[in-house]
Every structure is written in C-alpha cells, then in structure tokens.
Amino acid sequence: MIKKIAPWTGMLGTWLFTLSFTVNGFLRPGYDPVKMYISELSIGPQGWIQIVSFMLLGLCIMLFALGLKEAFPTGKGSQAAWILFLIIGTCYVLSGPFVTDPMAMFDNQQTLQGTLHGIFGALVFSLSAVNCFVLWRLFRAHEKWKPLSAFSLIAGIIMVALIVLMKIGQLQTGLLHDWAGLIQRCCLIISYALIFVISLKMRKL
C-alpha cells in the first residue's frame, strides 16, 4: 500500500507546496518573494494557508520516506536516507504552527515560536543537503538507480553553496540580503526536484 501511495505523495506534495507559496506570494499585498522568506507568508490573517501548506508537505514527505524504506530495504545508506526524509517531514509539520518572526526583526526581539520555527527550518535545510550525498552513495550501489546518482551529488553541492549564501545574507545587508527569498526558493526547489524525480522513478519501478 505504501509503495503505491509514496510516489504520489512525493510528487504531488512538493509540486502543490511550490505552487501554493508561489501563488500566495504573488497575491499577498506588500510581499516581495525576492527579498522575503517563504515562512513569512505565515504571518497575518491569511497566514493559515502557508501553515497548512507546511504541515501537508511534511506529511507527504513522511509518507514518501516510508515508501523509500520499502524501495531500499538493504544497502549502503538505505536506512539513513529514509530516516533523514522522515525527520525532514516531521520538521515541516512541526514548523507550521510555530509562525516565524518577520525577517527585519532584530535577534533580541525574536519570539519563542519564531525561534522554534527557525530551528526546524535549519534542520530541514541542513538535513536535505546532507541527504543528497547519502542518496548519491545509495543510488551508485543500485544499477537501476545509478542515473540519479549524479543528480543527487550535483543537487547536494548546489544546496550547500546556496545555504552558505543564505547564511551570509542573514548576517549582513547588501545584495545577498536583498535576494534572500530568491536564494531560499532556489535551494528548496532543488530539494523538491530531487524528491520528485525519485518519486517518479519509484512509480515506474
């Protein structure tokens, strides 16, 4: 049952989440997707849309993780890959209700819920990048999955670079700070693309 559901949750979950924050950001007055993080869509009366989107994506990734577990019952990195996805999905679910603080808020003004959202978000980004390299190792050991090994490695390298740029942008004003939202979106879309192609491969097999 999980094998049949998991590919669809991986494909539809990531696609619908991307569509949701894109449309929501376009329609939200005063919101700049180039400068502002996706999480800032959770702020305000319409914030429930983004909160629900976070939680639904998290549940989809958790189901996808269980499908990956069945697809790779043994092998190097097989256990680590699905467990990392399970943790990532859990972090998405937990981050939803804890609304982030505005990006412009100073560190000493951050709320508890904003801090918790930041912690869960940091786990999502860091573990997503790490898992790219775990998947690269895993796919190399399976003939049918080898075509995705190079994509996983390249995705991991790019994500690490983008995470570094995001961190620099958080620490200083300037070009990177003004493009923080775009950098974040690029990083997430790469991770979602990887989940999507893995899900597509799972469905074909």
C-alpha atoms as a PDB file:
ATOM      1  CA  MET A   1       0.000   0.000   0.000  1.00  0.00           C
ATOM      2  CA  ILE A   2       2.766   2.441   0.968  1.00  0.00           C
ATOM      3  CA  LYS A   3       4.649   1.608  -2.228  1.00  0.00           C
ATOM      4  CA  LYS A   4       1.657   2.748  -4.274  1.00  0.00           C
ATOM      5  CA  ILE A   5       0.944   5.906  -2.264  1.00  0.00           C
ATOM      6  CA  ALA A   6       4.509   7.102  -1.596  1.00  0.00           C
ATOM      7  CA  PRO A   7       5.429   8.129  -5.166  1.00  0.00           C
ATOM      8  CA  TRP A   8       2.265  10.208  -5.464  1.00  0.00           C
ATOM      9  CA  THR A   9       2.820  11.936  -2.137  1.00  0.00           C
ATOM     10  CA  GLY A  10       6.389  12.768  -3.144  1.00  0.00           C
ATOM     11  CA  MET A  11       5.349  14.226  -6.500  1.00  0.00           C
ATOM     12  CA  LEU A  12       2.098  15.966  -5.567  1.00  0.00           C
ATOM     13  CA  GLY A  13       3.272  17.172  -2.153  1.00  0.00           C
ATOM     14  CA  THR A  14       6.304  19.040  -3.455  1.00  0.00           C
ATOM     15  CA  TRP A  15       4.526  20.332  -6.576  1.00  0.00           C
ATOM     16  CA  LEU A  16       1.480  21.630  -4.682  1.00  0.00           C
ATOM     17  CA  PHE A  17       3.632  23.263  -1.990  1.00  0.00           C
ATOM     18  CA  THR A  18       5.684  25.084  -4.632  1.00  0.00           C
ATOM     19  CA  LEU A  19       2.516  26.197  -6.408  1.00  0.00           C
ATOM     20  CA  SER A  20       0.996  27.312  -3.110  1.00  0.00           C
ATOM     21  CA  PHE A  21       3.826  29.585  -1.964  1.00  0.00           C
ATOM     22  CA  THR A  22       4.258  30.973  -5.495  1.00  0.00           C
ATOM     23  CA  VAL A  23       0.592  31.955  -5.919  1.00  0.00           C
ATOM     24  CA  ASN A  24       0.237  33.037  -2.291  1.00  0.00           C
ATOM     25  CA  GLY A  25       3.314  35.255  -2.533  1.00  0.00           C
ATOM     26  CA  PHE A  26       2.110  36.808  -5.778  1.00  0.00           C
ATOM     27  CA  LEU A  27      -1.307  37.660  -4.336  1.00  0.00           C
ATOM     28  CA  ARG A  28      -0.141  38.881  -0.915  1.00  0.00           C
ATOM     29  CA  PRO A  29      -0.008  42.717  -0.817  1.00  0.00           C
ATOM     30  CA  GLY A  30       3.397  44.066   0.215  1.00  0.00           C
ATOM     31  CA  TYR A  31       5.116  40.690  -0.030  1.00  0.00           C
ATOM     32  CA  ASP A  32       8.344  40.527  -2.066  1.00  0.00           C
ATOM     33  CA  PRO A  33       9.313  36.909  -2.921  1.00  0.00           C
ATOM     34  CA  VAL A  34      12.819  38.012  -3.921  1.00  0.00           C
ATOM     35  CA  LYS A  35      13.610  39.539  -0.534  1.00  0.00           C
ATOM     36  CA  MET A  36      11.299  37.696   1.871  1.00  0.00           C
ATOM     37  CA  TYR A  37      11.322  34.097   3.056  1.00  0.00           C
ATOM     38  CA  ILE A  38       8.503  31.672   2.301  1.00  0.00           C
ATOM     39  CA  SER A  39       7.838  31.333   6.033  1.00  0.00           C
ATOM     40  CA  GLU A  40       6.839  34.991   6.221  1.00  0.00           C
ATOM     41  CA  LEU A  41       3.677  34.076   4.328  1.00  0.00           C
ATOM     42  CA  SER A  42       2.549  32.518   7.631  1.00  0.00           C
ATOM     43  CA  ILE A  43       2.272  35.974   9.200  1.00  0.00           C
ATOM     44  CA  GLY A  44      -1.062  37.766   9.188  1.00  0.00           C
ATOM     45  CA  PRO A  45      -4.730  36.842   8.684  1.00  0.00           C
ATOM     46  CA  GLN A  46      -4.005  34.759   5.586  1.00  0.00           C
ATOM     47  CA  GLY A  47      -1.093  33.013   7.236  1.00  0.00           C
ATOM     48  CA  TRP A  48      -3.124  29.868   7.851  1.00  0.00           C
ATOM     49  CA  ILE A  49      -2.712  28.978   4.149  1.00  0.00           C
ATOM     50  CA  GLN A  50       1.062  28.718   4.486  1.00  0.00           C
ATOM     51  CA  ILE A  51       0.797  26.997   7.876  1.00  0.00           C
ATOM     52  CA  VAL A  52      -1.434  24.279   6.414  1.00  0.00           C
ATOM     53  CA  SER A  53       0.870  24.014   3.378  1.00  0.00           C
ATOM     54  CA  PHE A  54       3.869  23.353   5.634  1.00  0.00           C
ATOM     55  CA  MET A  55       2.029  20.629   7.521  1.00  0.00           C
ATOM     56  CA  LEU A  56       0.642  18.924   4.405  1.00  0.00           C
ATOM     57  CA  LEU A  57       4.064  18.914   2.744  1.00  0.00           C
ATOM     58  CA  GLY A  58       5.556  17.414   5.896  1.00  0.00           C
ATOM     59  CA  LEU A  59       3.014  14.588   5.936  1.00  0.00           C
ATOM     60  CA  CYS A  60       3.631  13.919   2.231  1.00  0.00           C
ATOM     61  CA  ILE A  61       7.399  13.719   2.760  1.00  0.00           C
ATOM     62  CA  MET A  62       6.913  11.370   5.711  1.00  0.00           C
ATOM     63  CA  LEU A  63       4.844   9.001   3.557  1.00  0.00           C
ATOM     64  CA  PHE A  64       7.421   9.331   0.786  1.00  0.00           C
ATOM     65  CA  ALA A  65      10.123   8.367   3.314  1.00  0.00           C
ATOM     66  CA  LEU A  66       8.252   5.180   4.237  1.00  0.00           C
ATOM     67  CA  GLY A  67       7.992   4.312   0.549  1.00  0.00           C
ATOM     68  CA  LEU A  68      11.719   4.844   0.127  1.00  0.00           C
ATOM     69  CA  LYS A  69      12.298   2.486   3.042  1.00  0.00           C
ATOM     70  CA  GLU A  70      10.426  -0.261   1.208  1.00  0.00           C
ATOM     71  CA  ALA A  71      12.189   0.512  -2.069  1.00  0.00           C
ATOM     72  CA  PHE A  72      15.629   0.127  -0.434  1.00  0.00           C
ATOM     73  CA  PRO A  73      15.323  -2.430   2.382  1.00  0.00           C
ATOM     74  CA  THR A  74      19.098  -3.045   2.357  1.00  0.00           C
ATOM     75  CA  GLY A  75      22.286  -1.437   1.104  1.00  0.00           C
ATOM     76  CA  LYS A  76      24.690   1.353   1.988  1.00  0.00           C
ATOM     77  CA  GLY A  77      22.793   4.435   3.075  1.00  0.00           C
ATOM     78  CA  SER A  78      19.385   2.763   2.763  1.00  0.00           C
ATOM     79  CA  GLN A  79      18.463   3.290   6.410  1.00  0.00           C
ATOM     80  CA  ALA A  80      19.920   6.791   6.664  1.00  0.00           C
ATOM     81  CA  ALA A  81      18.112   8.057   3.542  1.00  0.00           C
ATOM     82  CA  TRP A  82      14.545   7.316   4.598  1.00  0.00           C
ATOM     83  CA  ILE A  83      15.167   8.258   8.242  1.00  0.00           C
ATOM     84  CA  LEU A  84      16.520  11.662   7.181  1.00  0.00           C
ATOM     85  CA  PHE A  85      13.466  12.228   4.981  1.00  0.00           C
ATOM     86  CA  LEU A  86      11.235  11.207   7.889  1.00  0.00           C
ATOM     87  CA  ILE A  87      12.924  13.775  10.137  1.00  0.00           C
ATOM     88  CA  ILE A  88      12.671  16.436   7.413  1.00  0.00           C
ATOM     89  CA  GLY A  89       8.956  15.759   7.009  1.00  0.00           C
ATOM     90  CA  THR A  90       8.446  15.905  10.776  1.00  0.00           C
ATOM     91  CA  CYS A  91      10.241  19.260  10.921  1.00  0.00           C
ATOM     92  CA  TYR A  92       7.920  20.633   8.238  1.00  0.00           C
ATOM     93  CA  VAL A  93       4.879  19.509  10.221  1.00  0.00           C
ATOM     94  CA  LEU A  94       6.190  20.984  13.467  1.00  0.00           C
ATOM     95  CA  SER A  95       7.325  24.255  11.885  1.00  0.00           C
ATOM     96  CA  GLY A  96       3.842  25.069  10.588  1.00  0.00           C
ATOM     97  CA  PRO A  97       2.099  26.061  13.844  1.00  0.00           C
ATOM     98  CA  PHE A  98       5.177  27.966  15.076  1.00  0.00           C
ATOM     99  CA  VAL A  99       4.870  31.119  12.980  1.00  0.00           C
ATOM    100  CA  THR A 100       8.149  32.753  12.044  1.00  0.00           C
ATOM    101  CA  ASP A 101       9.142  36.275  13.044  1.00  0.00           C
ATOM    102  CA  PRO A 102       9.471  38.973  10.359  1.00  0.00           C
ATOM    103  CA  MET A 103      12.872  38.890   8.659  1.00  0.00           C
ATOM    104  CA  ALA A 104      13.502  42.514   9.682  1.00  0.00           C
ATOM    105  CA  MET A 105      13.164  41.748  13.400  1.00  0.00           C
ATOM    106  CA  PHE A 106      16.361  42.021  15.454  1.00  0.00           C
ATOM    107  CA  ASP A 107      17.761  38.913  17.149  1.00  0.00           C
ATOM    108  CA  ASN A 108      16.985  40.155  20.646  1.00  0.00           C
ATOM    109  CA  GLN A 109      13.329  40.706  19.675  1.00  0.00           C
ATOM    110  CA  GLN A 110      12.592  37.222  18.398  1.00  0.00           C
ATOM    111  CA  THR A 111       9.687  35.322  19.923  1.00  0.00           C
ATOM    112  CA  LEU A 112       9.830  31.743  21.183  1.00  0.00           C
ATOM    113  CA  GLN A 113       7.642  30.460  18.364  1.00  0.00           C
ATOM    114  CA  GLY A 114       9.776  32.300  15.820  1.00  0.00           C
ATOM    115  CA  THR A 115      12.915  30.758  17.293  1.00  0.00           C
ATOM    116  CA  LEU A 116      11.401  27.257  17.182  1.00  0.00           C
ATOM    117  CA  HIS A 117      10.358  27.778  13.566  1.00  0.00           C
ATOM    118  CA  GLY A 118      13.933  28.821  12.782  1.00  0.00           C
ATOM    119  CA  ILE A 119      15.333  25.687  14.426  1.00  0.00           C
ATOM    120  CA  PHE A 120      13.013  23.368  12.484  1.00  0.00           C
ATOM    121  CA  GLY A 121      13.771  25.292   9.292  1.00  0.00           C
ATOM    122  CA  ALA A 122      17.521  24.998   9.830  1.00  0.00           C
ATOM    123  CA  LEU A 123      17.124  21.231  10.254  1.00  0.00           C
ATOM    124  CA  VAL A 124      15.141  20.997   7.023  1.00  0.00           C
ATOM    125  CA  PHE A 125      17.816  22.794   5.008  1.00  0.00           C
ATOM    126  CA  SER A 126      20.846  21.108   6.560  1.00  0.00           C
ATOM    127  CA  LEU A 127      19.418  17.574   6.515  1.00  0.00           C
ATOM    128  CA  SER A 128      18.111  17.999   2.958  1.00  0.00           C
ATOM    129  CA  ALA A 129      21.618  18.876   1.792  1.00  0.00           C
ATOM    130  CA  VAL A 130      23.189  16.009   3.746  1.00  0.00           C
ATOM    131  CA  ASN A 131      20.658  13.557   2.364  1.00  0.00           C
ATOM    132  CA  CYS A 132      21.656  14.437  -1.198  1.00  0.00           C
ATOM    133  CA  PHE A 133      25.070  12.894  -0.536  1.00  0.00           C
ATOM    134  CA  VAL A 134      23.506   9.908   1.254  1.00  0.00           C
ATOM    135  CA  LEU A 135      21.296   9.310  -1.789  1.00  0.00           C
ATOM    136  CA  TRP A 136      24.272   9.693  -4.116  1.00  0.00           C
ATOM    137  CA  ARG A 137      26.018   6.861  -2.293  1.00  0.00           C
ATOM    138  CA  LEU A 138      22.837   4.781  -2.195  1.00  0.00           C
ATOM    139  CA  PHE A 139      21.995   5.154  -5.888  1.00  0.00           C
ATOM    140  CA  ARG A 140      25.532   4.291  -7.005  1.00  0.00           C
ATOM    141  CA  ALA A 141      25.097   0.842  -5.476  1.00  0.00           C
ATOM    142  CA  HIS A 142      21.915   0.036  -7.449  1.00  0.00           C
ATOM    143  CA  GLU A 143      22.081  -0.353 -11.196  1.00  0.00           C
ATOM    144  CA  LYS A 144      18.532   0.839 -11.900  1.00  0.00           C
ATOM    145  CA  TRP A 145      19.065   3.969  -9.802  1.00  0.00           C
ATOM    146  CA  LYS A 146      22.552   4.944 -10.996  1.00  0.00           C
ATOM    147  CA  PRO A 147      21.237   7.635 -13.406  1.00  0.00           C
ATOM    148  CA  LEU A 148      20.015   9.592 -10.364  1.00  0.00           C
ATOM    149  CA  SER A 149      23.329   9.414  -8.504  1.00  0.00           C
ATOM    150  CA  ALA A 150      24.903  12.286 -10.447  1.00  0.00           C
ATOM    151  CA  PHE A 151      21.787  14.426  -9.990  1.00  0.00           C
ATOM    152  CA  SER A 152      21.860  13.788  -6.243  1.00  0.00           C
ATOM    153  CA  LEU A 153      25.526  14.775  -5.990  1.00  0.00           C
ATOM    154  CA  ILE A 154      25.093  17.965  -8.022  1.00  0.00           C
ATOM    155  CA  ALA A 155      21.962  18.870  -6.057  1.00  0.00           C
ATOM    156  CA  GLY A 156      23.851  18.443  -2.785  1.00  0.00           C
ATOM    157  CA  ILE A 157      26.759  20.633  -3.886  1.00  0.00           C
ATOM    158  CA  ILE A 158      24.451  23.404  -5.116  1.00  0.00           C
ATOM    159  CA  MET A 159      22.328  23.256  -1.959  1.00  0.00           C
ATOM    160  CA  VAL A 160      25.387  23.587   0.280  1.00  0.00           C
ATOM    161  CA  ALA A 161      26.508  26.641  -1.704  1.00  0.00           C
ATOM    162  CA  LEU A 162      23.053  28.228  -1.512  1.00  0.00           C
ATOM    163  CA  ILE A 163      22.783  27.571   2.235  1.00  0.00           C
ATOM    164  CA  VAL A 164      26.125  29.342   2.741  1.00  0.00           C
ATOM    165  CA  LEU A 165      24.869  32.296   0.678  1.00  0.00           C
ATOM    166  CA  MET A 166      21.676  32.386   2.723  1.00  0.00           C
ATOM    167  CA  LYS A 167      23.652  32.449   5.950  1.00  0.00           C
ATOM    168  CA  ILE A 168      25.863  35.277   4.683  1.00  0.00           C
ATOM    169  CA  GLY A 169      22.748  37.182   3.664  1.00  0.00           C
ATOM    170  CA  GLN A 170      21.335  36.820   7.174  1.00  0.00           C
ATOM    171  CA  LEU A 171      24.476  38.245   8.744  1.00  0.00           C
ATOM    172  CA  GLN A 172      24.868  41.347   6.602  1.00  0.00           C
ATOM    173  CA  THR A 173      22.946  43.789   4.472  1.00  0.00           C
ATOM    174  CA  GLY A 174      23.529  44.106   0.748  1.00  0.00           C
ATOM    175  CA  LEU A 175      22.844  42.093  -2.378  1.00  0.00           C
ATOM    176  CA  LEU A 176      22.607  38.684  -0.711  1.00  0.00           C
ATOM    177  CA  HIS A 177      20.342  40.066   2.000  1.00  0.00           C
ATOM    178  CA  ASP A 178      18.046  41.618  -0.601  1.00  0.00           C
ATOM    179  CA  TRP A 179      17.895  38.351  -2.545  1.00  0.00           C
ATOM    180  CA  ALA A 180      17.370  36.113   0.487  1.00  0.00           C
ATOM    181  CA  GLY A 181      13.915  34.962  -0.611  1.00  0.00           C
ATOM    182  CA  LEU A 182      15.078  34.014  -4.090  1.00  0.00           C
ATOM    183  CA  ILE A 183      18.106  32.113  -2.769  1.00  0.00           C
ATOM    184  CA  GLN A 184      15.899  30.216  -0.331  1.00  0.00           C
ATOM    185  CA  ARG A 185      13.431  29.306  -3.057  1.00  0.00           C
ATOM    186  CA  CYS A 186      16.177  28.026  -5.349  1.00  0.00           C
ATOM    187  CA  CYS A 187      17.525  25.832  -2.557  1.00  0.00           C
ATOM    188  CA  LEU A 188      14.124  24.368  -1.710  1.00  0.00           C
ATOM    189  CA  ILE A 189      13.100  23.820  -5.326  1.00  0.00           C
ATOM    190  CA  ILE A 190      16.276  21.788  -5.891  1.00  0.00           C
ATOM    191  CA  SER A 191      15.423  19.566  -2.921  1.00  0.00           C
ATOM    192  CA  TYR A 192      11.833  19.195  -4.147  1.00  0.00           C
ATOM    193  CA  ALA A 193      13.025  18.364  -7.653  1.00  0.00           C
ATOM    194  CA  LEU A 194      15.118  15.538  -6.226  1.00  0.00           C
ATOM    195  CA  ILE A 195      12.144  14.173  -4.289  1.00  0.00           C
ATOM    196  CA  PHE A 196      10.001  14.483  -7.413  1.00  0.00           C
ATOM    197  CA  VAL A 197      12.364  12.532  -9.693  1.00  0.00           C
ATOM    198  CA  ILE A 198      12.891   9.855  -7.038  1.00  0.00           C
ATOM    199  CA  SER A 199       9.129   9.530  -6.687  1.00  0.00           C
ATOM    200  CA  LEU A 200       8.759   9.284 -10.453  1.00  0.00           C
ATOM    201  CA  LYS A 201      11.398   6.537 -10.554  1.00  0.00           C
ATOM    202  CA  MET A 202       9.688   4.686  -7.696  1.00  0.00           C
ATOM    203  CA  ARG A 203       6.388   4.798  -9.558  1.00  0.00           C
ATOM    204  CA  LYS A 204       7.956   3.431 -12.786  1.00  0.00           C
ATOM    205  CA  LEU A 205       9.672   0.596 -10.953  1.00  0.00           C
END
